[in-house]
Amino acid sequence: MAAPRKAAVILKTVKKISVQFCPFESNVRSTREFLAMVGSEKARATNMNCEVTSIVKHDKSEPVVDVTYVDGERLLMKGAKLTSTEMLSAFQSRCTAKDTQTIAGGKK
């Protein structure tokens, strides 16, 4: 389960990340890799107030990542058909956009 470590994960604009999956399903690898990336100590150090939780179920449910941002917006990713790189890319592009909005809003 080696996760690609190309870019640093920055959780500055994130309030909560909830990852749900059934470990016995064959389509959870990307979701578990995403959890490993956002749950790493290096990523968590970028926002100590960000709550990262994992919910392990045994009900054959679809793997889901639910991200809640500081401004209240949510990002819901269904990991069954996404790669960890695609999930991370969507997550980081949203974080970057929100960080840019915060910086632009603070300068006015």
PDB file of N, CA and C in Angstrom:
ATOM      1  N   MET A   1       0.833  -1.185   0.000  1.00  0.00           N
ATOM      2  CA  MET A   1       0.000   0.000   0.000  1.00  0.00           C
ATOM      3  C   MET A   1       0.874   1.242   0.000  1.00  0.00           C
ATOM      4  N   ALA A   2       1.813   1.300  -0.898  1.00  0.00           N
ATOM      5  CA  ALA A   2       2.701   2.451  -0.976  1.00  0.00           C
ATOM      6  C   ALA A   2       1.984   3.606  -1.653  1.00  0.00           C
ATOM      7  N   ALA A   3       1.796   4.672  -0.932  1.00  0.00           N
ATOM      8  CA  ALA A   3       1.101   5.844  -1.448  1.00  0.00           C
ATOM      9  C   ALA A   3       2.100   6.780  -2.119  1.00  0.00           C
ATOM     10  N   PRO A   4       1.717   7.360  -3.260  1.00  0.00           N
ATOM     11  CA  PRO A   4       2.612   8.300  -3.915  1.00  0.00           C
ATOM     12  C   PRO A   4       2.773   9.566  -3.075  1.00  0.00           C
ATOM     13  N   ARG A   5       3.986  10.006  -2.889  1.00  0.00           N
ATOM     14  CA  ARG A   5       4.277  11.170  -2.040  1.00  0.00           C
ATOM     15  C   ARG A   5       4.813  12.321  -2.874  1.00  0.00           C
ATOM     16  N   LYS A   6       4.183  12.626  -4.005  1.00  0.00           N
ATOM     17  CA  LYS A   6       4.679  13.659  -4.904  1.00  0.00           C
ATOM     18  C   LYS A   6       4.552  15.058  -4.325  1.00  0.00           C
ATOM     19  N   ALA A   7       3.399  15.387  -3.777  1.00  0.00           N
ATOM     20  CA  ALA A   7       3.159  16.739  -3.289  1.00  0.00           C
ATOM     21  C   ALA A   7       2.803  16.699  -1.805  1.00  0.00           C
ATOM     22  N   ALA A   8       3.146  17.764  -1.126  1.00  0.00           N
ATOM     23  CA  ALA A   8       2.830  17.853   0.297  1.00  0.00           C
ATOM     24  C   ALA A   8       1.344  18.153   0.467  1.00  0.00           C
ATOM     25  N   VAL A   9       0.727  17.500   1.428  1.00  0.00           N
ATOM     26  CA  VAL A   9      -0.680  17.718   1.723  1.00  0.00           C
ATOM     27  C   VAL A   9      -0.777  18.827   2.763  1.00  0.00           C
ATOM     28  N   ILE A  10      -1.553  19.859   2.451  1.00  0.00           N
ATOM     29  CA  ILE A  10      -1.711  20.986   3.364  1.00  0.00           C
ATOM     30  C   ILE A  10      -3.182  21.075   3.761  1.00  0.00           C
ATOM     31  N   LEU A  11      -3.430  20.960   5.052  1.00  0.00           N
ATOM     32  CA  LEU A  11      -4.790  20.919   5.583  1.00  0.00           C
ATOM     33  C   LEU A  11      -5.243  22.251   6.174  1.00  0.00           C
ATOM     34  N   LYS A  12      -4.597  23.345   5.801  1.00  0.00           N
ATOM     35  CA  LYS A  12      -4.856  24.642   6.415  1.00  0.00           C
ATOM     36  C   LYS A  12      -6.318  25.080   6.303  1.00  0.00           C
ATOM     37  N   THR A  13      -6.988  24.789   5.198  1.00  0.00           N
ATOM     38  CA  THR A  13      -8.364  25.246   4.986  1.00  0.00           C
ATOM     39  C   THR A  13      -9.404  24.175   5.325  1.00  0.00           C
ATOM     40  N   VAL A  14      -8.961  23.062   5.929  1.00  0.00           N
ATOM     41  CA  VAL A  14      -9.848  21.927   6.186  1.00  0.00           C
ATOM     42  C   VAL A  14     -10.218  21.852   7.663  1.00  0.00           C
ATOM     43  N   LYS A  15     -11.502  21.634   7.932  1.00  0.00           N
ATOM     44  CA  LYS A  15     -11.988  21.487   9.298  1.00  0.00           C
ATOM     45  C   LYS A  15     -12.045  20.018   9.708  1.00  0.00           C
ATOM     46  N   LYS A  16     -12.535  19.150   8.802  1.00  0.00           N
ATOM     47  CA  LYS A  16     -12.753  17.753   9.153  1.00  0.00           C
ATOM     48  C   LYS A  16     -12.667  16.869   7.917  1.00  0.00           C
ATOM     49  N   ILE A  17     -12.048  15.701   8.071  1.00  0.00           N
ATOM     50  CA  ILE A  17     -12.008  14.695   7.010  1.00  0.00           C
ATOM     51  C   ILE A  17     -12.501  13.387   7.615  1.00  0.00           C
ATOM     52  N   SER A  18     -13.522  12.824   7.003  1.00  0.00           N
ATOM     53  CA  SER A  18     -14.066  11.554   7.458  1.00  0.00           C
ATOM     54  C   SER A  18     -13.930  10.539   6.329  1.00  0.00           C
ATOM     55  N   VAL A  19     -13.282   9.423   6.601  1.00  0.00           N
ATOM     56  CA  VAL A  19     -13.063   8.379   5.598  1.00  0.00           C
ATOM     57  C   VAL A  19     -13.790   7.120   6.061  1.00  0.00           C
ATOM     58  N   GLN A  20     -14.686   6.609   5.214  1.00  0.00           N
ATOM     59  CA  GLN A  20     -15.455   5.407   5.546  1.00  0.00           C
ATOM     60  C   GLN A  20     -15.179   4.333   4.509  1.00  0.00           C
ATOM     61  N   PHE A  21     -14.924   3.109   4.961  1.00  0.00           N
ATOM     62  CA  PHE A  21     -14.709   2.015   4.021  1.00  0.00           C
ATOM     63  C   PHE A  21     -14.885   0.667   4.705  1.00  0.00           C
ATOM     64  N   CYS A  22     -15.118  -0.348   3.883  1.00  0.00           N
ATOM     65  CA  CYS A  22     -15.162  -1.731   4.339  1.00  0.00           C
ATOM     66  C   CYS A  22     -13.842  -2.357   3.893  1.00  0.00           C
ATOM     67  N   PRO A  23     -12.994  -2.773   4.820  1.00  0.00           N
ATOM     68  CA  PRO A  23     -11.658  -3.248   4.449  1.00  0.00           C
ATOM     69  C   PRO A  23     -11.644  -4.555   3.664  1.00  0.00           C
ATOM     70  N   PHE A  24     -12.757  -5.244   3.624  1.00  0.00           N
ATOM     71  CA  PHE A  24     -12.796  -6.533   2.952  1.00  0.00           C
ATOM     72  C   PHE A  24     -13.221  -6.433   1.490  1.00  0.00           C
ATOM     73  N   GLU A  25     -13.529  -5.232   1.031  1.00  0.00           N
ATOM     74  CA  GLU A  25     -13.887  -5.027  -0.368  1.00  0.00           C
ATOM     75  C   GLU A  25     -12.623  -4.826  -1.197  1.00  0.00           C
ATOM     76  N   SER A  26     -12.713  -5.118  -2.481  1.00  0.00           N
ATOM     77  CA  SER A  26     -11.536  -5.029  -3.349  1.00  0.00           C
ATOM     78  C   SER A  26     -11.261  -3.615  -3.855  1.00  0.00           C
ATOM     79  N   ASN A  27     -12.202  -2.687  -3.680  1.00  0.00           N
ATOM     80  CA  ASN A  27     -12.068  -1.349  -4.261  1.00  0.00           C
ATOM     81  C   ASN A  27     -11.693  -0.267  -3.247  1.00  0.00           C
ATOM     82  N   VAL A  28     -11.053  -0.629  -2.146  1.00  0.00           N
ATOM     83  CA  VAL A  28     -10.763   0.365  -1.103  1.00  0.00           C
ATOM     84  C   VAL A  28      -9.304   0.834  -1.074  1.00  0.00           C
ATOM     85  N   ARG A  29      -8.483   0.313  -1.928  1.00  0.00           N
ATOM     86  CA  ARG A  29      -7.056   0.655  -1.877  1.00  0.00           C
ATOM     87  C   ARG A  29      -6.807   2.160  -1.995  1.00  0.00           C
ATOM     88  N   SER A  30      -7.423   2.792  -2.975  1.00  0.00           N
ATOM     89  CA  SER A  30      -7.179   4.230  -3.175  1.00  0.00           C
ATOM     90  C   SER A  30      -7.661   5.042  -1.976  1.00  0.00           C
ATOM     91  N   THR A  31      -8.766   4.631  -1.378  1.00  0.00           N
ATOM     92  CA  THR A  31      -9.291   5.344  -0.215  1.00  0.00           C
ATOM     93  C   THR A  31      -8.354   5.199   0.974  1.00  0.00           C
ATOM     94  N   ARG A  32      -7.807   4.014   1.162  1.00  0.00           N
ATOM     95  CA  ARG A  32      -6.863   3.790   2.263  1.00  0.00           C
ATOM     96  C   ARG A  32      -5.566   4.563   2.028  1.00  0.00           C
ATOM     97  N   GLU A  33      -5.125   4.644   0.785  1.00  0.00           N
ATOM     98  CA  GLU A  33      -3.919   5.417   0.466  1.00  0.00           C
ATOM     99  C   GLU A  33      -4.153   6.902   0.723  1.00  0.00           C
ATOM    100  N   PHE A  34      -5.342   7.398   0.349  1.00  0.00           N
ATOM    101  CA  PHE A  34      -5.677   8.801   0.612  1.00  0.00           C
ATOM    102  C   PHE A  34      -5.678   9.059   2.117  1.00  0.00           C
ATOM    103  N   LEU A  35      -6.260   8.151   2.892  1.00  0.00           N
ATOM    104  CA  LEU A  35      -6.275   8.285   4.346  1.00  0.00           C
ATOM    105  C   LEU A  35      -4.857   8.327   4.906  1.00  0.00           C
ATOM    106  N   ALA A  36      -3.975   7.508   4.367  1.00  0.00           N
ATOM    107  CA  ALA A  36      -2.582   7.502   4.824  1.00  0.00           C
ATOM    108  C   ALA A  36      -1.900   8.843   4.538  1.00  0.00           C
ATOM    109  N   MET A  37      -2.230   9.444   3.398  1.00  0.00           N
ATOM    110  CA  MET A  37      -1.615  10.726   3.041  1.00  0.00           C
ATOM    111  C   MET A  37      -2.112  11.867   3.926  1.00  0.00           C
ATOM    112  N   VAL A  38      -3.428  11.964   4.122  1.00  0.00           N
ATOM    113  CA  VAL A  38      -3.958  13.081   4.919  1.00  0.00           C
ATOM    114  C   VAL A  38      -3.807  12.840   6.415  1.00  0.00           C
ATOM    115  N   GLY A  39      -3.603  11.601   6.808  1.00  0.00           N
ATOM    116  CA  GLY A  39      -3.452  11.278   8.219  1.00  0.00           C
ATOM    117  C   GLY A  39      -2.012  11.244   8.686  1.00  0.00           C
ATOM    118  N   SER A  40      -1.068  11.489   7.786  1.00  0.00           N
ATOM    119  CA  SER A  40       0.341  11.455   8.168  1.00  0.00           C
ATOM    120  C   SER A  40       0.662  12.608   9.117  1.00  0.00           C
ATOM    121  N   GLU A  41       1.696  12.435   9.904  1.00  0.00           N
ATOM    122  CA  GLU A  41       2.077  13.476  10.875  1.00  0.00           C
ATOM    123  C   GLU A  41       2.463  14.774  10.178  1.00  0.00           C
ATOM    124  N   LYS A  42       3.111  14.654   9.035  1.00  0.00           N
ATOM    125  CA  LYS A  42       3.537  15.840   8.297  1.00  0.00           C
ATOM    126  C   LYS A  42       2.324  16.640   7.818  1.00  0.00           C
ATOM    127  N   ALA A  43       1.307  15.947   7.317  1.00  0.00           N
ATOM    128  CA  ALA A  43       0.092  16.631   6.862  1.00  0.00           C
ATOM    129  C   ALA A  43      -0.675  17.198   8.050  1.00  0.00           C
ATOM    130  N   ARG A  44      -0.803  16.429   9.108  1.00  0.00           N
ATOM    131  CA  ARG A  44      -1.554  16.874  10.285  1.00  0.00           C
ATOM    132  C   ARG A  44      -0.906  18.091  10.939  1.00  0.00           C
ATOM    133  N   ALA A  45       0.402  18.231  10.796  1.00  0.00           N
ATOM    134  CA  ALA A  45       1.114  19.370  11.377  1.00  0.00           C
ATOM    135  C   ALA A  45       0.746  20.686  10.692  1.00  0.00           C
ATOM    136  N   THR A  46       0.179  20.628   9.480  1.00  0.00           N
ATOM    137  CA  THR A  46      -0.209  21.853   8.776  1.00  0.00           C
ATOM    138  C   THR A  46      -1.495  22.456   9.330  1.00  0.00           C
ATOM    139  N   ASN A  47      -2.265  21.670  10.103  1.00  0.00           N
ATOM    140  CA  ASN A  47      -3.472  22.175  10.762  1.00  0.00           C
ATOM    141  C   ASN A  47      -3.807  21.235  11.912  1.00  0.00           C
ATOM    142  N   MET A  48      -3.394  21.609  13.099  1.00  0.00           N
ATOM    143  CA  MET A  48      -3.613  20.751  14.269  1.00  0.00           C
ATOM    144  C   MET A  48      -5.091  20.686  14.662  1.00  0.00           C
ATOM    145  N   ASN A  49      -5.915  21.597  14.182  1.00  0.00           N
ATOM    146  CA  ASN A  49      -7.345  21.602  14.495  1.00  0.00           C
ATOM    147  C   ASN A  49      -8.171  20.754  13.536  1.00  0.00           C
ATOM    148  N   CYS A  50      -7.560  20.248  12.479  1.00  0.00           N
ATOM    149  CA  CYS A  50      -8.268  19.425  11.508  1.00  0.00           C
ATOM    150  C   CYS A  50      -8.498  18.033  12.106  1.00  0.00           C
ATOM    151  N   GLU A  51      -9.735  17.604  12.085  1.00  0.00           N
ATOM    152  CA  GLU A  51     -10.103  16.301  12.639  1.00  0.00           C
ATOM    153  C   GLU A  51     -10.139  15.275  11.505  1.00  0.00           C
ATOM    154  N   VAL A  52      -9.263  14.275  11.582  1.00  0.00           N
ATOM    155  CA  VAL A  52      -9.226  13.202  10.582  1.00  0.00           C
ATOM    156  C   VAL A  52      -9.724  11.930  11.254  1.00  0.00           C
ATOM    157  N   THR A  53     -10.856  11.409  10.760  1.00  0.00           N
ATOM    158  CA  THR A  53     -11.424  10.201  11.346  1.00  0.00           C
ATOM    159  C   THR A  53     -11.597   9.134  10.279  1.00  0.00           C
ATOM    160  N   SER A  54     -11.435   7.895  10.688  1.00  0.00           N
ATOM    161  CA  SER A  54     -11.699   6.777   9.787  1.00  0.00           C
ATOM    162  C   SER A  54     -12.771   5.904  10.420  1.00  0.00           C
ATOM    163  N   ILE A  55     -13.724   5.530   9.605  1.00  0.00           N
ATOM    164  CA  ILE A  55     -14.822   4.680  10.054  1.00  0.00           C
ATOM    165  C   ILE A  55     -14.733   3.390   9.245  1.00  0.00           C
ATOM    166  N   VAL A  56     -14.392   2.320   9.929  1.00  0.00           N
ATOM    167  CA  VAL A  56     -14.250   1.027   9.278  1.00  0.00           C
ATOM    168  C   VAL A  56     -15.539   0.248   9.492  1.00  0.00           C
ATOM    169  N   LYS A  57     -16.167  -0.129   8.396  1.00  0.00           N
ATOM    170  CA  LYS A  57     -17.442  -0.841   8.448  1.00  0.00           C
ATOM    171  C   LYS A  57     -17.268  -2.233   7.850  1.00  0.00           C
ATOM    172  N   HIS A  58     -18.144  -3.125   8.215  1.00  0.00           N
ATOM    173  CA  HIS A  58     -18.157  -4.456   7.612  1.00  0.00           C
ATOM    174  C   HIS A  58     -19.547  -4.709   7.021  1.00  0.00           C
ATOM    175  N   ASP A  59     -19.921  -3.815   6.090  1.00  0.00           N
ATOM    176  CA  ASP A  59     -21.251  -3.912   5.501  1.00  0.00           C
ATOM    177  C   ASP A  59     -21.224  -3.825   3.979  1.00  0.00           C
ATOM    178  N   LYS A  60     -20.041  -4.045   3.386  1.00  0.00           N
ATOM    179  CA  LYS A  60     -19.848  -4.005   1.930  1.00  0.00           C
ATOM    180  C   LYS A  60     -20.233  -2.648   1.335  1.00  0.00           C
ATOM    181  N   SER A  61     -20.101  -1.587   2.135  1.00  0.00           N
ATOM    182  CA  SER A  61     -20.442  -0.252   1.653  1.00  0.00           C
ATOM    183  C   SER A  61     -19.334   0.303   0.765  1.00  0.00           C
ATOM    184  N   GLU A  62     -19.714   1.279  -0.033  1.00  0.00           N
ATOM    185  CA  GLU A  62     -18.780   1.936  -0.932  1.00  0.00           C
ATOM    186  C   GLU A  62     -17.835   2.838  -0.135  1.00  0.00           C
ATOM    187  N   PRO A  63     -16.538   2.859  -0.474  1.00  0.00           N
ATOM    188  CA  PRO A  63     -15.613   3.747   0.232  1.00  0.00           C
ATOM    189  C   PRO A  63     -15.909   5.215  -0.090  1.00  0.00           C
ATOM    190  N   VAL A  64     -15.983   6.035   0.960  1.00  0.00           N
ATOM    191  CA  VAL A  64     -16.361   7.438   0.804  1.00  0.00           C
ATOM    192  C   VAL A  64     -15.431   8.315   1.630  1.00  0.00           C
ATOM    193  N   VAL A  65     -15.019   9.437   1.035  1.00  0.00           N
ATOM    194  CA  VAL A  65     -14.242  10.452   1.747  1.00  0.00           C
ATOM    195  C   VAL A  65     -15.097  11.711   1.788  1.00  0.00           C
ATOM    196  N   ASP A  66     -15.350  12.209   2.991  1.00  0.00           N
ATOM    197  CA  ASP A  66     -16.160  13.408   3.193  1.00  0.00           C
ATOM    198  C   ASP A  66     -15.280  14.477   3.831  1.00  0.00           C
ATOM    199  N   VAL A  67     -15.027  15.544   3.091  1.00  0.00           N
ATOM    200  CA  VAL A  67     -14.169  16.633   3.555  1.00  0.00           C
ATOM    201  C   VAL A  67     -15.035  17.851   3.849  1.00  0.00           C
ATOM    202  N   THR A  68     -14.903  18.414   5.044  1.00  0.00           N
ATOM    203  CA  THR A  68     -15.597  19.643   5.411  1.00  0.00           C
ATOM    204  C   THR A  68     -14.554  20.743   5.569  1.00  0.00           C
ATOM    205  N   TYR A  69     -14.746  21.826   4.839  1.00  0.00           N
ATOM    206  CA  TYR A  69     -13.800  22.938   4.887  1.00  0.00           C
ATOM    207  C   TYR A  69     -14.197  23.930   5.969  1.00  0.00           C
ATOM    208  N   VAL A  70     -13.293  24.813   6.309  1.00  0.00           N
ATOM    209  CA  VAL A  70     -13.511  25.802   7.360  1.00  0.00           C
ATOM    210  C   VAL A  70     -14.708  26.692   7.036  1.00  0.00           C
ATOM    211  N   ASP A  71     -14.931  26.995   5.759  1.00  0.00           N
ATOM    212  CA  ASP A  71     -16.049  27.853   5.366  1.00  0.00           C
ATOM    213  C   ASP A  71     -17.382  27.107   5.287  1.00  0.00           C
ATOM    214  N   GLY A  72     -17.392  25.814   5.613  1.00  0.00           N
ATOM    215  CA  GLY A  72     -18.623  25.037   5.630  1.00  0.00           C
ATOM    216  C   GLY A  72     -18.878  24.227   4.369  1.00  0.00           C
ATOM    217  N   GLU A  73     -18.155  24.479   3.311  1.00  0.00           N
ATOM    218  CA  GLU A  73     -18.335  23.728   2.071  1.00  0.00           C
ATOM    219  C   GLU A  73     -17.858  22.291   2.271  1.00  0.00           C
ATOM    220  N   ARG A  74     -18.487  21.356   1.547  1.00  0.00           N
ATOM    221  CA  ARG A  74     -18.121  19.943   1.670  1.00  0.00           C
ATOM    222  C   ARG A  74     -17.697  19.380   0.321  1.00  0.00           C
ATOM    223  N   LEU A  75     -16.776  18.441   0.359  1.00  0.00           N
ATOM    224  CA  LEU A  75     -16.338  17.700  -0.818  1.00  0.00           C
ATOM    225  C   LEU A  75     -16.559  16.236  -0.505  1.00  0.00           C
ATOM    226  N   LEU A  76     -17.347  15.553  -1.328  1.00  0.00           N
ATOM    227  CA  LEU A  76     -17.651  14.148  -1.127  1.00  0.00           C
ATOM    228  C   LEU A  76     -17.056  13.371  -2.293  1.00  0.00           C
ATOM    229  N   MET A  77     -16.150  12.452  -1.994  1.00  0.00           N
ATOM    230  CA  MET A  77     -15.519  11.647  -3.036  1.00  0.00           C
ATOM    231  C   MET A  77     -15.844  10.181  -2.793  1.00  0.00           C
ATOM    232  N   LYS A  78     -16.326   9.517  -3.823  1.00  0.00           N
ATOM    233  CA  LYS A  78     -16.610   8.093  -3.753  1.00  0.00           C
ATOM    234  C   LYS A  78     -15.405   7.366  -4.336  1.00  0.00           C
ATOM    235  N   GLY A  79     -14.682   6.676  -3.468  1.00  0.00           N
ATOM    236  CA  GLY A  79     -13.394   6.123  -3.839  1.00  0.00           C
ATOM    237  C   GLY A  79     -13.399   4.834  -4.627  1.00  0.00           C
ATOM    238  N   ALA A  80     -14.546   4.262  -4.914  1.00  0.00           N
ATOM    239  CA  ALA A  80     -14.596   2.986  -5.606  1.00  0.00           C
ATOM    240  C   ALA A  80     -14.009   3.058  -7.012  1.00  0.00           C
ATOM    241  N   LYS A  81     -14.218   4.173  -7.686  1.00  0.00           N
ATOM    242  CA  LYS A  81     -13.764   4.291  -9.071  1.00  0.00           C
ATOM    243  C   LYS A  81     -12.697   5.366  -9.262  1.00  0.00           C
ATOM    244  N   LEU A  82     -12.137   5.871  -8.172  1.00  0.00           N
ATOM    245  CA  LEU A  82     -11.095   6.893  -8.245  1.00  0.00           C
ATOM    246  C   LEU A  82      -9.763   6.326  -7.760  1.00  0.00           C
ATOM    247  N   THR A  83      -8.682   6.834  -8.316  1.00  0.00           N
ATOM    248  CA  THR A  83      -7.366   6.471  -7.805  1.00  0.00           C
ATOM    249  C   THR A  83      -7.006   7.434  -6.685  1.00  0.00           C
ATOM    250  N   SER A  84      -6.026   7.072  -5.881  1.00  0.00           N
ATOM    251  CA  SER A  84      -5.606   7.958  -4.797  1.00  0.00           C
ATOM    252  C   SER A  84      -5.036   9.260  -5.357  1.00  0.00           C
ATOM    253  N   THR A  85      -4.412   9.194  -6.518  1.00  0.00           N
ATOM    254  CA  THR A  85      -3.869  10.395  -7.149  1.00  0.00           C
ATOM    255  C   THR A  85      -4.988  11.329  -7.582  1.00  0.00           C
ATOM    256  N   GLU A  86      -6.070  10.771  -8.133  1.00  0.00           N
ATOM    257  CA  GLU A  86      -7.206  11.593  -8.542  1.00  0.00           C
ATOM    258  C   GLU A  86      -7.880  12.232  -7.321  1.00  0.00           C
ATOM    259  N   MET A  87      -8.017  11.465  -6.249  1.00  0.00           N
ATOM    260  CA  MET A  87      -8.633  11.991  -5.030  1.00  0.00           C
ATOM    261  C   MET A  87      -7.781  13.110  -4.447  1.00  0.00           C
ATOM    262  N   LEU A  88      -6.482  12.880  -4.374  1.00  0.00           N
ATOM    263  CA  LEU A  88      -5.575  13.881  -3.826  1.00  0.00           C
ATOM    264  C   LEU A  88      -5.555  15.139  -4.688  1.00  0.00           C
ATOM    265  N   SER A  89      -5.595  14.968  -5.999  1.00  0.00           N
ATOM    266  CA  SER A  89      -5.592  16.109  -6.910  1.00  0.00           C
ATOM    267  C   SER A  89      -6.848  16.961  -6.725  1.00  0.00           C
ATOM    268  N   ALA A  90      -8.011  16.326  -6.644  1.00  0.00           N
ATOM    269  CA  ALA A  90      -9.260  17.064  -6.430  1.00  0.00           C
ATOM    270  C   ALA A  90      -9.232  17.779  -5.078  1.00  0.00           C
ATOM    271  N   PHE A  91      -8.748  17.086  -4.062  1.00  0.00           N
ATOM    272  CA  PHE A  91      -8.662  17.638  -2.714  1.00  0.00           C
ATOM    273  C   PHE A  91      -7.732  18.847  -2.675  1.00  0.00           C
ATOM    274  N   GLN A  92      -6.538  18.701  -3.242  1.00  0.00           N
ATOM    275  CA  GLN A  92      -5.557  19.778  -3.201  1.00  0.00           C
ATOM    276  C   GLN A  92      -5.960  20.977  -4.052  1.00  0.00           C
ATOM    277  N   SER A  93      -6.604  20.739  -5.197  1.00  0.00           N
ATOM    278  CA  SER A  93      -7.030  21.876  -6.018  1.00  0.00           C
ATOM    279  C   SER A  93      -8.082  22.700  -5.280  1.00  0.00           C
ATOM    280  N   ARG A  94      -8.985  22.035  -4.557  1.00  0.00           N
ATOM    281  CA  ARG A  94     -10.004  22.749  -3.775  1.00  0.00           C
ATOM    282  C   ARG A  94      -9.349  23.499  -2.613  1.00  0.00           C
ATOM    283  N   CYS A  95      -8.382  22.851  -1.952  1.00  0.00           N
ATOM    284  CA  CYS A  95      -7.676  23.502  -0.836  1.00  0.00           C
ATOM    285  C   CYS A  95      -6.912  24.727  -1.313  1.00  0.00           C
ATOM    286  N   THR A  96      -6.251  24.607  -2.451  1.00  0.00           N
ATOM    287  CA  THR A  96      -5.485  25.722  -3.005  1.00  0.00           C
ATOM    288  C   THR A  96      -6.409  26.878  -3.369  1.00  0.00           C
ATOM    289  N   ALA A  97      -7.545  26.573  -3.974  1.00  0.00           N
ATOM    290  CA  ALA A  97      -8.501  27.617  -4.342  1.00  0.00           C
ATOM    291  C   ALA A  97      -9.023  28.331  -3.093  1.00  0.00           C
ATOM    292  N   LYS A  98      -9.327  27.580  -2.062  1.00  0.00           N
ATOM    293  CA  LYS A  98      -9.841  28.173  -0.830  1.00  0.00           C
ATOM    294  C   LYS A  98      -8.767  28.996  -0.125  1.00  0.00           C
ATOM    295  N   ASP A  99      -7.529  28.532  -0.154  1.00  0.00           N
ATOM    296  CA  ASP A  99      -6.437  29.274   0.467  1.00  0.00           C
ATOM    297  C   ASP A  99      -6.217  30.588  -0.279  1.00  0.00           C
ATOM    298  N   THR A 100      -6.310  30.559  -1.599  1.00  0.00           N
ATOM    299  CA  THR A 100      -6.169  31.769  -2.398  1.00  0.00           C
ATOM    300  C   THR A 100      -7.291  32.746  -2.077  1.00  0.00           C
ATOM    301  N   GLN A 101      -8.531  32.238  -1.909  1.00  0.00           N
ATOM    302  CA  GLN A 101      -9.661  33.101  -1.558  1.00  0.00           C
ATOM    303  C   GLN A 101      -9.460  33.734  -0.187  1.00  0.00           C
ATOM    304  N   THR A 102      -8.924  32.955   0.755  1.00  0.00           N
ATOM    305  CA  THR A 102      -8.682  33.458   2.104  1.00  0.00           C
ATOM    306  C   THR A 102      -7.643  34.565   2.076  1.00  0.00           C
ATOM    307  N   ILE A 103      -6.572  34.342   1.347  1.00  0.00           N
ATOM    308  CA  ILE A 103      -5.505  35.344   1.252  1.00  0.00           C
ATOM    309  C   ILE A 103      -6.032  36.603   0.575  1.00  0.00           C
ATOM    310  N   ALA A 104      -6.776  36.451  -0.534  1.00  0.00           N
ATOM    311  CA  ALA A 104      -7.324  37.600  -1.266  1.00  0.00           C
ATOM    312  C   ALA A 104      -8.338  38.340  -0.387  1.00  0.00           C
ATOM    313  N   GLY A 105      -9.141  37.605   0.376  1.00  0.00           N
ATOM    314  CA  GLY A 105     -10.129  38.223   1.244  1.00  0.00           C
ATOM    315  C   GLY A 105      -9.499  38.975   2.400  1.00  0.00           C
ATOM    316  N   GLY A 106      -8.365  38.496   2.875  1.00  0.00           N
ATOM    317  CA  GLY A 106      -7.682  39.130   4.006  1.00  0.00           C
ATOM    318  C   GLY A 106      -6.966  40.411   3.620  1.00  0.00           C
ATOM    319  N   LYS A 107      -6.612  40.568   2.352  1.00  0.00           N
ATOM    320  CA  LYS A 107      -5.871  41.750   1.908  1.00  0.00           C
ATOM    321  C   LYS A 107      -6.766  42.938   1.628  1.00  0.00           C
ATOM    322  N   LYS A 108      -8.077  42.691   1.481  1.00  0.00           N
ATOM    323  CA  LYS A 108      -8.974  43.795   1.148  1.00  0.00           C
ATOM    324  C   LYS A 108      -9.215  44.699   2.307  1.00  0.00           C
TER     325      LYS A 108
END
